[in-house]
Amino acid sequence: MPSKLSVNIGKLKLKNPVMAASGTFGYAREFQDLIDLSCIGAIVSKTITLKPRPGNPPPRVAETPSGMLNSIGLQNEGLDNFIEDKLPYLAGLNTRVIASIAAEGPGEIAAISSRLDKTAIDAIELNLSCPNIKGVKVSKRQGVKLVAQDAAVTHRFVKAARGSTGKTLIAKLSPNVTDIKEIARAAQSAGADAVSLVNTFYGMSIDIDTRMSRLGNVIGGLSGPAIKPIALKMVYDVYKAVDIPVIGMGGIMNAEDALEFIIAGASAVCVGTVNFVDPNTACEIVRGLEDYTRKHKLSGIKKLIGGLRV
């Protein structure tokens, strides 16, 4: 009998809609003694790039009211290391594994996608929206932007990846835009099977005694409960604008938060900042969703997706 919590993201079937967000869960091995990794629907790896990246200067994390700032800068050991060292462990887990990737150009993202297409990962998430790295040059007039801050550039990157893999492809979008719906539609038209949102918001924190930023990179990405109402609204907007699944994230701390995102239109949710507070939260959210479907006599969690009453 299929689980009441099972959902589909493109060709990818998840046993439940709760995922560990990229950048907050390492490569899963770091959490193996803290959480039953098989309890969640999917693990999204820390973002990998073609070549190793050293990341941004420290300090890289700063706590803020109802949230946190980070400026890691996509530090990672590169694609070869991921395939040879990280993937064998991930492939042995009893849950879906989604590789998060980032690149400096369409050709590079195609190359990474092509390599991963031949591996045991279940899906690819295109991190087009990390606020802690230098963007790409869009045009002479518009200058440098994050990929997910421009619809045409988003389309080029997603199309390049789509042409290089048959795996489920998820485009991760930035909230730091005027109209996130436009970007989501561009990702869909280029062949994305789903969109995930939102990545972190640009933010700062200043030490008034030293008059210096609390981050070595000055500006970082804000996550946590502080961003939830805005993230929830963006998920709702995008759900109404596209025909592909939406994966929601942004300040999810418990099952009630997750349910809000699902009712707003998310087919699945990613749990991020709370992993630093209580690593077992993802499993507790799964249990909370099970309790909710039982209490409300739902045949499945799919019945709840986009079920906002207006």
C-alpha atoms as a PDB file:
ATOM      1  CA  MET A   1       0.000   0.000   0.000  1.00  0.00           C
ATOM      2  CA  PRO A   2       1.490   3.391  -0.976  1.00  0.00           C
ATOM      3  CA  SER A   3       2.315   5.781   1.841  1.00  0.00           C
ATOM      4  CA  LYS A   4      -0.162   8.576   2.515  1.00  0.00           C
ATOM      5  CA  LEU A   5       2.805  10.939   2.518  1.00  0.00           C
ATOM      6  CA  SER A   6       4.292   9.956  -0.853  1.00  0.00           C
ATOM      7  CA  VAL A   7       4.674  12.717  -3.449  1.00  0.00           C
ATOM      8  CA  ASN A   8       6.124  13.033  -6.941  1.00  0.00           C
ATOM      9  CA  ILE A   9       8.684  15.602  -8.073  1.00  0.00           C
ATOM     10  CA  GLY A  10       9.005  15.067 -11.804  1.00  0.00           C
ATOM     11  CA  LYS A  11       9.942  11.419 -12.288  1.00  0.00           C
ATOM     12  CA  LEU A  12      11.188  11.291  -8.718  1.00  0.00           C
ATOM     13  CA  LYS A  13       8.929   9.616  -6.155  1.00  0.00           C
ATOM     14  CA  LEU A  14       9.504  10.534  -2.510  1.00  0.00           C
ATOM     15  CA  LYS A  15       8.181   8.450   0.384  1.00  0.00           C
ATOM     16  CA  ASN A  16       7.349  11.704   2.141  1.00  0.00           C
ATOM     17  CA  PRO A  17       7.641  15.403   1.247  1.00  0.00           C
ATOM     18  CA  VAL A  18      10.311  16.345   3.813  1.00  0.00           C
ATOM     19  CA  MET A  19      13.799  17.036   2.506  1.00  0.00           C
ATOM     20  CA  ALA A  20      17.051  18.148   4.130  1.00  0.00           C
ATOM     21  CA  ALA A  21      18.053  21.437   2.511  1.00  0.00           C
ATOM     22  CA  SER A  22      21.350  21.915   0.714  1.00  0.00           C
ATOM     23  CA  GLY A  23      24.078  23.607   2.715  1.00  0.00           C
ATOM     24  CA  THR A  24      22.589  22.640   6.084  1.00  0.00           C
ATOM     25  CA  PHE A  25      23.138  18.885   6.070  1.00  0.00           C
ATOM     26  CA  GLY A  26      26.626  18.433   4.625  1.00  0.00           C
ATOM     27  CA  TYR A  27      26.790  15.178   2.701  1.00  0.00           C
ATOM     28  CA  ALA A  28      24.591  13.347   5.267  1.00  0.00           C
ATOM     29  CA  ARG A  29      27.450  11.413   6.887  1.00  0.00           C
ATOM     30  CA  GLU A  30      27.871  14.299   9.327  1.00  0.00           C
ATOM     31  CA  PHE A  31      24.341  13.625  10.662  1.00  0.00           C
ATOM     32  CA  GLN A  32      24.352   9.827  10.739  1.00  0.00           C
ATOM     33  CA  ASP A  33      24.695   9.664  14.530  1.00  0.00           C
ATOM     34  CA  LEU A  34      22.117  12.408  15.142  1.00  0.00           C
ATOM     35  CA  ILE A  35      19.128  11.386  13.017  1.00  0.00           C
ATOM     36  CA  ASP A  36      17.602   8.344  11.335  1.00  0.00           C
ATOM     37  CA  LEU A  37      18.487   9.343   7.793  1.00  0.00           C
ATOM     38  CA  SER A  38      15.909   6.956   6.350  1.00  0.00           C
ATOM     39  CA  CYS A  39      13.008   8.857   7.932  1.00  0.00           C
ATOM     40  CA  ILE A  40      13.055  11.750   5.457  1.00  0.00           C
ATOM     41  CA  GLY A  41      12.047  11.808   1.821  1.00  0.00           C
ATOM     42  CA  ALA A  42      15.291  13.142   0.376  1.00  0.00           C
ATOM     43  CA  ILE A  43      18.662  14.628   1.211  1.00  0.00           C
ATOM     44  CA  VAL A  44      19.950  17.517  -0.886  1.00  0.00           C
ATOM     45  CA  SER A  45      23.745  17.584  -0.787  1.00  0.00           C
ATOM     46  CA  LYS A  46      25.908  20.582  -0.057  1.00  0.00           C
ATOM     47  CA  THR A  47      26.368  22.411  -3.350  1.00  0.00           C
ATOM     48  CA  ILE A  48      29.238  21.143  -5.469  1.00  0.00           C
ATOM     49  CA  THR A  49      31.105  22.896  -8.259  1.00  0.00           C
ATOM     50  CA  LEU A  50      33.267  21.547 -11.077  1.00  0.00           C
ATOM     51  CA  LYS A  51      36.510  22.502  -9.331  1.00  0.00           C
ATOM     52  CA  PRO A  52      37.161  22.890  -5.573  1.00  0.00           C
ATOM     53  CA  ARG A  53      36.241  26.255  -4.014  1.00  0.00           C
ATOM     54  CA  PRO A  54      37.835  27.674  -0.841  1.00  0.00           C
ATOM     55  CA  GLY A  55      34.743  29.684   0.109  1.00  0.00           C
ATOM     56  CA  ASN A  56      34.532  33.131   1.685  1.00  0.00           C
ATOM     57  CA  PRO A  57      36.714  34.528   4.489  1.00  0.00           C
ATOM     58  CA  PRO A  58      35.600  33.969   8.100  1.00  0.00           C
ATOM     59  CA  PRO A  59      33.572  34.704  10.107  1.00  0.00           C
ATOM     60  CA  ARG A  60      30.950  32.959   7.977  1.00  0.00           C
ATOM     61  CA  VAL A  61      27.949  32.680  10.303  1.00  0.00           C
ATOM     62  CA  ALA A  62      26.200  35.241  12.496  1.00  0.00           C
ATOM     63  CA  GLU A  63      23.059  34.799  14.580  1.00  0.00           C
ATOM     64  CA  THR A  64      20.300  37.368  14.110  1.00  0.00           C
ATOM     65  CA  PRO A  65      16.883  37.860  15.709  1.00  0.00           C
ATOM     66  CA  SER A  66      14.743  34.879  14.609  1.00  0.00           C
ATOM     67  CA  GLY A  67      17.338  33.741  12.111  1.00  0.00           C
ATOM     68  CA  MET A  68      20.932  33.525  11.002  1.00  0.00           C
ATOM     69  CA  LEU A  69      23.220  34.977   8.365  1.00  0.00           C
ATOM     70  CA  ASN A  70      25.699  32.833   6.496  1.00  0.00           C
ATOM     71  CA  SER A  71      28.372  33.579   3.944  1.00  0.00           C
ATOM     72  CA  ILE A  72      29.984  30.213   3.281  1.00  0.00           C
ATOM     73  CA  GLY A  73      30.625  30.942  -0.379  1.00  0.00           C
ATOM     74  CA  LEU A  74      30.009  27.413  -1.700  1.00  0.00           C
ATOM     75  CA  GLN A  75      33.154  25.935  -0.172  1.00  0.00           C
ATOM     76  CA  ASN A  76      33.488  22.368  -1.470  1.00  0.00           C
ATOM     77  CA  GLU A  77      36.029  19.838  -2.721  1.00  0.00           C
ATOM     78  CA  GLY A  78      34.756  19.727  -6.301  1.00  0.00           C
ATOM     79  CA  LEU A  79      32.919  17.266  -8.526  1.00  0.00           C
ATOM     80  CA  ASP A  80      35.601  14.567  -8.694  1.00  0.00           C
ATOM     81  CA  ASN A  81      35.820  14.372  -4.909  1.00  0.00           C
ATOM     82  CA  PHE A  82      32.027  14.245  -4.619  1.00  0.00           C
ATOM     83  CA  ILE A  83      31.758  11.309  -7.008  1.00  0.00           C
ATOM     84  CA  GLU A  84      34.694   9.391  -5.578  1.00  0.00           C
ATOM     85  CA  ASP A  85      34.405  10.149  -1.859  1.00  0.00           C
ATOM     86  CA  LYS A  86      30.914  11.407  -0.966  1.00  0.00           C
ATOM     87  CA  LEU A  87      28.616   9.596  -3.369  1.00  0.00           C
ATOM     88  CA  PRO A  88      29.388   5.981  -2.332  1.00  0.00           C
ATOM     89  CA  TYR A  89      28.062   6.725   1.169  1.00  0.00           C
ATOM     90  CA  LEU A  90      25.067   8.700  -0.086  1.00  0.00           C
ATOM     91  CA  ALA A  91      24.115   5.980  -2.585  1.00  0.00           C
ATOM     92  CA  GLY A  92      23.839   3.462   0.246  1.00  0.00           C
ATOM     93  CA  LEU A  93      21.225   5.424   2.183  1.00  0.00           C
ATOM     94  CA  ASN A  94      17.578   4.401   2.338  1.00  0.00           C
ATOM     95  CA  THR A  95      16.318   7.724   1.009  1.00  0.00           C
ATOM     96  CA  ARG A  96      16.497   9.749  -2.179  1.00  0.00           C
ATOM     97  CA  VAL A  97      19.675  11.705  -2.871  1.00  0.00           C
ATOM     98  CA  ILE A  98      19.640  14.991  -4.760  1.00  0.00           C
ATOM     99  CA  ALA A  99      22.933  16.583  -5.795  1.00  0.00           C
ATOM    100  CA  SER A 100      23.032  20.379  -5.596  1.00  0.00           C
ATOM    101  CA  ILE A 101      25.306  21.938  -8.199  1.00  0.00           C
ATOM    102  CA  ALA A 102      26.472  25.416  -9.188  1.00  0.00           C
ATOM    103  CA  ALA A 103      28.498  26.683 -12.135  1.00  0.00           C
ATOM    104  CA  GLU A 104      29.889  29.854 -13.698  1.00  0.00           C
ATOM    105  CA  GLY A 105      28.382  29.261 -17.136  1.00  0.00           C
ATOM    106  CA  PRO A 106      25.958  27.063 -19.106  1.00  0.00           C
ATOM    107  CA  GLY A 107      28.782  24.934 -20.506  1.00  0.00           C
ATOM    108  CA  GLU A 108      30.073  24.190 -17.037  1.00  0.00           C
ATOM    109  CA  ILE A 109      26.657  23.323 -15.644  1.00  0.00           C
ATOM    110  CA  ALA A 110      26.116  21.016 -18.625  1.00  0.00           C
ATOM    111  CA  ALA A 111      29.424  19.280 -17.931  1.00  0.00           C
ATOM    112  CA  ILE A 112      28.569  18.690 -14.267  1.00  0.00           C
ATOM    113  CA  SER A 113      25.068  17.476 -15.116  1.00  0.00           C
ATOM    114  CA  SER A 114      26.439  15.094 -17.731  1.00  0.00           C
ATOM    115  CA  ARG A 115      28.862  13.533 -15.237  1.00  0.00           C
ATOM    116  CA  LEU A 116      26.179  13.155 -12.579  1.00  0.00           C
ATOM    117  CA  ASP A 117      23.755  11.654 -15.091  1.00  0.00           C
ATOM    118  CA  LYS A 118      25.873   8.505 -15.048  1.00  0.00           C
ATOM    119  CA  THR A 119      25.864   8.166 -11.248  1.00  0.00           C
ATOM    120  CA  ALA A 120      23.462   6.779  -8.657  1.00  0.00           C
ATOM    121  CA  ILE A 121      22.014  10.120  -7.572  1.00  0.00           C
ATOM    122  CA  ASP A 122      18.252  10.465  -7.962  1.00  0.00           C
ATOM    123  CA  ALA A 123      17.955  14.097  -9.057  1.00  0.00           C
ATOM    124  CA  ILE A 124      19.898  17.319  -9.595  1.00  0.00           C
ATOM    125  CA  GLU A 125      19.180  20.675  -7.991  1.00  0.00           C
ATOM    126  CA  LEU A 126      20.597  23.661  -9.863  1.00  0.00           C
ATOM    127  CA  ASN A 127      21.713  26.216  -7.289  1.00  0.00           C
ATOM    128  CA  LEU A 128      21.169  29.330  -9.375  1.00  0.00           C
ATOM    129  CA  SER A 129      20.687  31.602  -6.400  1.00  0.00           C
ATOM    130  CA  CYS A 130      23.441  31.504  -3.768  1.00  0.00           C
ATOM    131  CA  PRO A 131      23.784  35.141  -2.597  1.00  0.00           C
ATOM    132  CA  ASN A 132      27.306  34.624  -1.254  1.00  0.00           C
ATOM    133  CA  ILE A 133      29.188  34.310  -4.529  1.00  0.00           C
ATOM    134  CA  LYS A 134      29.977  36.583  -7.459  1.00  0.00           C
ATOM    135  CA  GLY A 135      27.258  36.339 -10.097  1.00  0.00           C
ATOM    136  CA  VAL A 136      27.534  36.126 -13.861  1.00  0.00           C
ATOM    137  CA  LYS A 137      27.731  39.041 -16.298  1.00  0.00           C
ATOM    138  CA  VAL A 138      24.263  39.442 -17.765  1.00  0.00           C
ATOM    139  CA  SER A 139      24.963  42.371 -20.085  1.00  0.00           C
ATOM    140  CA  LYS A 140      26.989  45.565 -20.237  1.00  0.00           C
ATOM    141  CA  ARG A 141      23.951  47.537 -19.115  1.00  0.00           C
ATOM    142  CA  GLN A 142      22.781  45.187 -16.346  1.00  0.00           C
ATOM    143  CA  GLY A 143      26.210  44.110 -15.134  1.00  0.00           C
ATOM    144  CA  VAL A 144      26.673  41.125 -12.825  1.00  0.00           C
ATOM    145  CA  LYS A 145      23.733  39.263 -11.325  1.00  0.00           C
ATOM    146  CA  LEU A 146      22.961  35.913  -9.786  1.00  0.00           C
ATOM    147  CA  VAL A 147      21.738  33.494 -12.450  1.00  0.00           C
ATOM    148  CA  ALA A 148      18.285  33.349 -10.846  1.00  0.00           C
ATOM    149  CA  GLN A 149      17.980  37.135 -10.925  1.00  0.00           C
ATOM    150  CA  ASP A 150      17.552  37.144 -14.702  1.00  0.00           C
ATOM    151  CA  ALA A 151      14.942  35.136 -16.604  1.00  0.00           C
ATOM    152  CA  ALA A 152      16.992  34.798 -19.810  1.00  0.00           C
ATOM    153  CA  VAL A 153      20.127  33.630 -17.986  1.00  0.00           C
ATOM    154  CA  THR A 154      18.079  31.212 -15.888  1.00  0.00           C
ATOM    155  CA  HIS A 155      16.633  29.787 -19.102  1.00  0.00           C
ATOM    156  CA  ARG A 156      20.127  29.297 -20.596  1.00  0.00           C
ATOM    157  CA  PHE A 157      21.476  27.514 -17.528  1.00  0.00           C
ATOM    158  CA  VAL A 158      18.470  25.227 -17.097  1.00  0.00           C
ATOM    159  CA  LYS A 159      18.361  24.419 -20.817  1.00  0.00           C
ATOM    160  CA  ALA A 160      22.059  23.503 -20.771  1.00  0.00           C
ATOM    161  CA  ALA A 161      21.552  21.156 -17.824  1.00  0.00           C
ATOM    162  CA  ARG A 162      18.373  19.711 -19.363  1.00  0.00           C
ATOM    163  CA  GLY A 163      20.264  18.785 -22.491  1.00  0.00           C
ATOM    164  CA  SER A 164      22.853  16.917 -20.436  1.00  0.00           C
ATOM    165  CA  THR A 165      20.765  14.751 -18.103  1.00  0.00           C
ATOM    166  CA  GLY A 166      17.594  12.712 -18.028  1.00  0.00           C
ATOM    167  CA  LYS A 167      17.388  12.923 -14.255  1.00  0.00           C
ATOM    168  CA  THR A 168      14.791  15.018 -12.474  1.00  0.00           C
ATOM    169  CA  LEU A 169      15.977  18.618 -12.621  1.00  0.00           C
ATOM    170  CA  ILE A 170      15.123  21.176  -9.926  1.00  0.00           C
ATOM    171  CA  ALA A 171      15.898  24.890 -10.297  1.00  0.00           C
ATOM    172  CA  LYS A 172      16.565  26.668  -6.977  1.00  0.00           C
ATOM    173  CA  LEU A 173      15.389  30.271  -7.141  1.00  0.00           C
ATOM    174  CA  SER A 174      16.359  33.512  -5.424  1.00  0.00           C
ATOM    175  CA  PRO A 175      13.975  35.713  -3.437  1.00  0.00           C
ATOM    176  CA  ASN A 176      16.181  38.702  -4.244  1.00  0.00           C
ATOM    177  CA  VAL A 177      14.202  39.617  -7.362  1.00  0.00           C
ATOM    178  CA  THR A 178      11.352  41.893  -8.360  1.00  0.00           C
ATOM    179  CA  ASP A 179       9.162  39.104  -9.740  1.00  0.00           C
ATOM    180  CA  ILE A 180      10.031  35.505  -8.841  1.00  0.00           C
ATOM    181  CA  LYS A 181       7.163  34.219 -11.004  1.00  0.00           C
ATOM    182  CA  GLU A 182       8.950  35.393 -14.156  1.00  0.00           C
ATOM    183  CA  ILE A 183      12.080  33.459 -13.187  1.00  0.00           C
ATOM    184  CA  ALA A 184      10.058  30.346 -12.333  1.00  0.00           C
ATOM    185  CA  ARG A 185       8.318  30.418 -15.701  1.00  0.00           C
ATOM    186  CA  ALA A 186      11.708  30.736 -17.440  1.00  0.00           C
ATOM    187  CA  ALA A 187      12.992  27.666 -15.577  1.00  0.00           C
ATOM    188  CA  GLN A 188       9.880  25.724 -16.530  1.00  0.00           C
ATOM    189  CA  SER A 189      10.100  26.651 -20.202  1.00  0.00           C
ATOM    190  CA  ALA A 190      13.749  25.551 -20.279  1.00  0.00           C
ATOM    191  CA  GLY A 191      12.874  22.082 -19.039  1.00  0.00           C
ATOM    192  CA  ALA A 192      13.027  22.141 -15.239  1.00  0.00           C
ATOM    193  CA  ASP A 193      10.901  19.413 -13.646  1.00  0.00           C
ATOM    194  CA  ALA A 194      10.428  21.498 -10.492  1.00  0.00           C
ATOM    195  CA  VAL A 195      11.482  24.723  -8.813  1.00  0.00           C
ATOM    196  CA  SER A 196      12.634  25.103  -5.217  1.00  0.00           C
ATOM    197  CA  LEU A 197      12.284  28.351  -3.299  1.00  0.00           C
ATOM    198  CA  VAL A 198      13.391  30.369  -1.584  1.00  0.00           C
ATOM    199  CA  ASN A 199      17.117  30.638  -1.141  1.00  0.00           C
ATOM    200  CA  THR A 200      18.336  33.154   1.428  1.00  0.00           C
ATOM    201  CA  PHE A 201      17.715  36.909   1.434  1.00  0.00           C
ATOM    202  CA  TYR A 202      20.577  39.411   1.278  1.00  0.00           C
ATOM    203  CA  GLY A 203      21.343  40.673   4.776  1.00  0.00           C
ATOM    204  CA  MET A 204      23.909  42.266   7.105  1.00  0.00           C
ATOM    205  CA  SER A 205      24.782  42.449  10.781  1.00  0.00           C
ATOM    206  CA  ILE A 206      27.174  45.018  12.295  1.00  0.00           C
ATOM    207  CA  ASP A 207      29.148  44.956  15.548  1.00  0.00           C
ATOM    208  CA  ILE A 208      28.682  48.497  16.851  1.00  0.00           C
ATOM    209  CA  ASP A 209      31.792  48.330  19.067  1.00  0.00           C
ATOM    210  CA  THR A 210      34.187  47.439  16.259  1.00  0.00           C
ATOM    211  CA  ARG A 211      31.981  49.058  13.593  1.00  0.00           C
ATOM    212  CA  MET A 212      32.671  46.021  11.439  1.00  0.00           C
ATOM    213  CA  SER A 213      30.435  43.489   9.798  1.00  0.00           C
ATOM    214  CA  ARG A 214      29.917  40.274  11.745  1.00  0.00           C
ATOM    215  CA  LEU A 215      30.637  38.443   8.474  1.00  0.00           C
ATOM    216  CA  GLY A 216      33.994  38.363   6.744  1.00  0.00           C
ATOM    217  CA  ASN A 217      32.248  38.844   3.408  1.00  0.00           C
ATOM    218  CA  VAL A 218      30.216  41.794   4.854  1.00  0.00           C
ATOM    219  CA  ILE A 219      26.965  40.642   3.216  1.00  0.00           C
ATOM    220  CA  GLY A 220      25.404  37.222   3.742  1.00  0.00           C
ATOM    221  CA  GLY A 221      22.218  35.255   3.262  1.00  0.00           C
ATOM    222  CA  LEU A 222      19.448  35.468   5.866  1.00  0.00           C
ATOM    223  CA  SER A 223      17.532  32.305   6.745  1.00  0.00           C
ATOM    224  CA  GLY A 224      15.350  31.057   9.583  1.00  0.00           C
ATOM    225  CA  PRO A 225      11.897  31.960  10.949  1.00  0.00           C
ATOM    226  CA  ALA A 226      12.372  35.655  10.126  1.00  0.00           C
ATOM    227  CA  ILE A 227      11.934  34.979   6.400  1.00  0.00           C
ATOM    228  CA  LYS A 228       9.040  32.509   6.592  1.00  0.00           C
ATOM    229  CA  PRO A 229       6.092  34.847   5.832  1.00  0.00           C
ATOM    230  CA  ILE A 230       7.818  36.223   2.725  1.00  0.00           C
ATOM    231  CA  ALA A 231       8.965  32.786   1.563  1.00  0.00           C
ATOM    232  CA  LEU A 232       5.455  31.422   2.052  1.00  0.00           C
ATOM    233  CA  LYS A 233       3.979  34.195  -0.097  1.00  0.00           C
ATOM    234  CA  MET A 234       6.517  33.548  -2.861  1.00  0.00           C
ATOM    235  CA  VAL A 235       5.711  29.822  -2.871  1.00  0.00           C
ATOM    236  CA  TYR A 236       2.021  30.691  -3.179  1.00  0.00           C
ATOM    237  CA  ASP A 237       2.700  33.076  -6.071  1.00  0.00           C
ATOM    238  CA  VAL A 238       4.882  30.615  -7.967  1.00  0.00           C
ATOM    239  CA  TYR A 239       2.465  27.711  -7.414  1.00  0.00           C
ATOM    240  CA  LYS A 240      -0.199  29.702  -9.265  1.00  0.00           C
ATOM    241  CA  ALA A 241       2.222  30.726 -12.037  1.00  0.00           C
ATOM    242  CA  VAL A 242       3.739  27.383 -13.147  1.00  0.00           C
ATOM    243  CA  ASP A 243       2.603  23.861 -13.956  1.00  0.00           C
ATOM    244  CA  ILE A 244       5.529  22.037 -12.346  1.00  0.00           C
ATOM    245  CA  PRO A 245       5.949  21.100  -8.675  1.00  0.00           C
ATOM    246  CA  VAL A 246       7.186  23.685  -6.201  1.00  0.00           C
ATOM    247  CA  ILE A 247       9.491  22.747  -3.329  1.00  0.00           C
ATOM    248  CA  GLY A 248       9.085  25.241  -0.487  1.00  0.00           C
ATOM    249  CA  MET A 249      11.574  26.374   2.122  1.00  0.00           C
ATOM    250  CA  GLY A 250      12.315  29.311   4.369  1.00  0.00           C
ATOM    251  CA  GLY A 251      12.094  29.219   8.155  1.00  0.00           C
ATOM    252  CA  ILE A 252      10.389  25.834   8.525  1.00  0.00           C
ATOM    253  CA  MET A 253      10.838  24.854  12.171  1.00  0.00           C
ATOM    254  CA  ASN A 254       8.036  22.318  12.772  1.00  0.00           C
ATOM    255  CA  ALA A 255       5.197  20.380  11.144  1.00  0.00           C
ATOM    256  CA  GLU A 256       2.840  23.356  11.328  1.00  0.00           C
ATOM    257  CA  ASP A 257       5.249  25.455   9.273  1.00  0.00           C
ATOM    258  CA  ALA A 258       5.623  22.630   6.742  1.00  0.00           C
ATOM    259  CA  LEU A 259       1.857  22.310   6.442  1.00  0.00           C
ATOM    260  CA  GLU A 260       1.529  26.023   5.713  1.00  0.00           C
ATOM    261  CA  PHE A 261       3.919  25.674   2.779  1.00  0.00           C
ATOM    262  CA  ILE A 262       2.090  22.612   1.455  1.00  0.00           C
ATOM    263  CA  ILE A 263      -1.288  24.323   1.701  1.00  0.00           C
ATOM    264  CA  ALA A 264       0.233  27.322  -0.117  1.00  0.00           C
ATOM    265  CA  GLY A 265       1.249  25.054  -2.992  1.00  0.00           C
ATOM    266  CA  ALA A 266       4.473  23.219  -2.130  1.00  0.00           C
ATOM    267  CA  SER A 267       4.608  19.564  -3.185  1.00  0.00           C
ATOM    268  CA  ALA A 268       7.557  19.089  -0.828  1.00  0.00           C
ATOM    269  CA  VAL A 269       9.461  21.137   1.735  1.00  0.00           C
ATOM    270  CA  CYS A 270      13.116  21.582   2.611  1.00  0.00           C
ATOM    271  CA  VAL A 271      14.232  21.874   6.229  1.00  0.00           C
ATOM    272  CA  GLY A 272      17.338  23.999   6.644  1.00  0.00           C
ATOM    273  CA  THR A 273      18.341  26.336   9.471  1.00  0.00           C
ATOM    274  CA  VAL A 274      16.567  24.238  12.105  1.00  0.00           C
ATOM    275  CA  ASN A 275      19.066  21.430  11.417  1.00  0.00           C
ATOM    276  CA  PHE A 276      21.591  23.521  13.363  1.00  0.00           C
ATOM    277  CA  VAL A 277      19.177  23.759  16.308  1.00  0.00           C
ATOM    278  CA  ASP A 278      17.768  20.223  16.471  1.00  0.00           C
ATOM    279  CA  PRO A 279      18.910  17.756  13.792  1.00  0.00           C
ATOM    280  CA  ASN A 280      15.967  15.456  14.534  1.00  0.00           C
ATOM    281  CA  THR A 281      13.398  18.080  13.514  1.00  0.00           C
ATOM    282  CA  ALA A 282      12.972  16.661  10.002  1.00  0.00           C
ATOM    283  CA  CYS A 283      11.832  13.315  11.408  1.00  0.00           C
ATOM    284  CA  GLU A 284       9.492  15.082  13.833  1.00  0.00           C
ATOM    285  CA  ILE A 285       7.966  16.963  10.914  1.00  0.00           C
ATOM    286  CA  VAL A 286       7.311  13.684   9.088  1.00  0.00           C
ATOM    287  CA  ARG A 287       5.510  12.358  12.156  1.00  0.00           C
ATOM    288  CA  GLY A 288       3.552  15.599  12.409  1.00  0.00           C
ATOM    289  CA  LEU A 289       2.397  15.263   8.793  1.00  0.00           C
ATOM    290  CA  GLU A 290       1.314  11.678   9.459  1.00  0.00           C
ATOM    291  CA  ASP A 291      -0.696  12.846  12.480  1.00  0.00           C
ATOM    292  CA  TYR A 292      -2.321  15.610  10.433  1.00  0.00           C
ATOM    293  CA  THR A 293      -3.434  13.312   7.604  1.00  0.00           C
ATOM    294  CA  ARG A 294      -4.861  10.896  10.170  1.00  0.00           C
ATOM    295  CA  LYS A 295      -6.651  13.607  12.149  1.00  0.00           C
ATOM    296  CA  HIS A 296      -8.198  15.161   9.032  1.00  0.00           C
ATOM    297  CA  LYS A 297      -8.933  11.776   7.397  1.00  0.00           C
ATOM    298  CA  LEU A 298      -6.935  12.609   4.269  1.00  0.00           C
ATOM    299  CA  SER A 299      -6.257   9.787   1.829  1.00  0.00           C
ATOM    300  CA  GLY A 300      -2.884  11.364   1.118  1.00  0.00           C
ATOM    301  CA  ILE A 301      -0.831  14.506   1.623  1.00  0.00           C
ATOM    302  CA  LYS A 302      -1.226  15.278  -2.104  1.00  0.00           C
ATOM    303  CA  LYS A 303      -4.825  16.301  -1.368  1.00  0.00           C
ATOM    304  CA  LEU A 304      -3.447  19.194   0.672  1.00  0.00           C
ATOM    305  CA  ILE A 305      -1.100  20.695  -1.931  1.00  0.00           C
ATOM    306  CA  GLY A 306      -2.339  24.144  -2.923  1.00  0.00           C
ATOM    307  CA  GLY A 307      -5.414  23.686  -0.759  1.00  0.00           C
ATOM    308  CA  LEU A 308      -5.554  27.254   0.535  1.00  0.00           C
ATOM    309  CA  ARG A 309      -9.156  28.380   0.907  1.00  0.00           C
ATOM    310  CA  VAL A 310      -9.700  31.900  -0.406  1.00  0.00           C
END
